[in-house]
Amino acid sequence: MPTWEVAGQFYARRNNWQPFRKRCDAPNEAAAREWILSELGGCHHVKRALVRIAEVREAPAA
């Protein structure tokens, strides 16, 4: 399964957009986007509308 790197910003508090960059294993780009929305919502209690995904790319093999 390929590894994807997802980058963007999420609304942290009071006009403060927090940048993020995370890696995940997913079968395709759509699944990687869904995983990051779920992860940020679960860990940081951020609604999906307050997450801006700027880039999704396949990460190089380590």
Foldseek 3Di string as FASTA:
>chain_A
DFKKKWWWWFDQDDPDTHIDIDIDDDPDQVVVLVVVQVVCCVPRVGHSVRTDTDDMDTDDDD
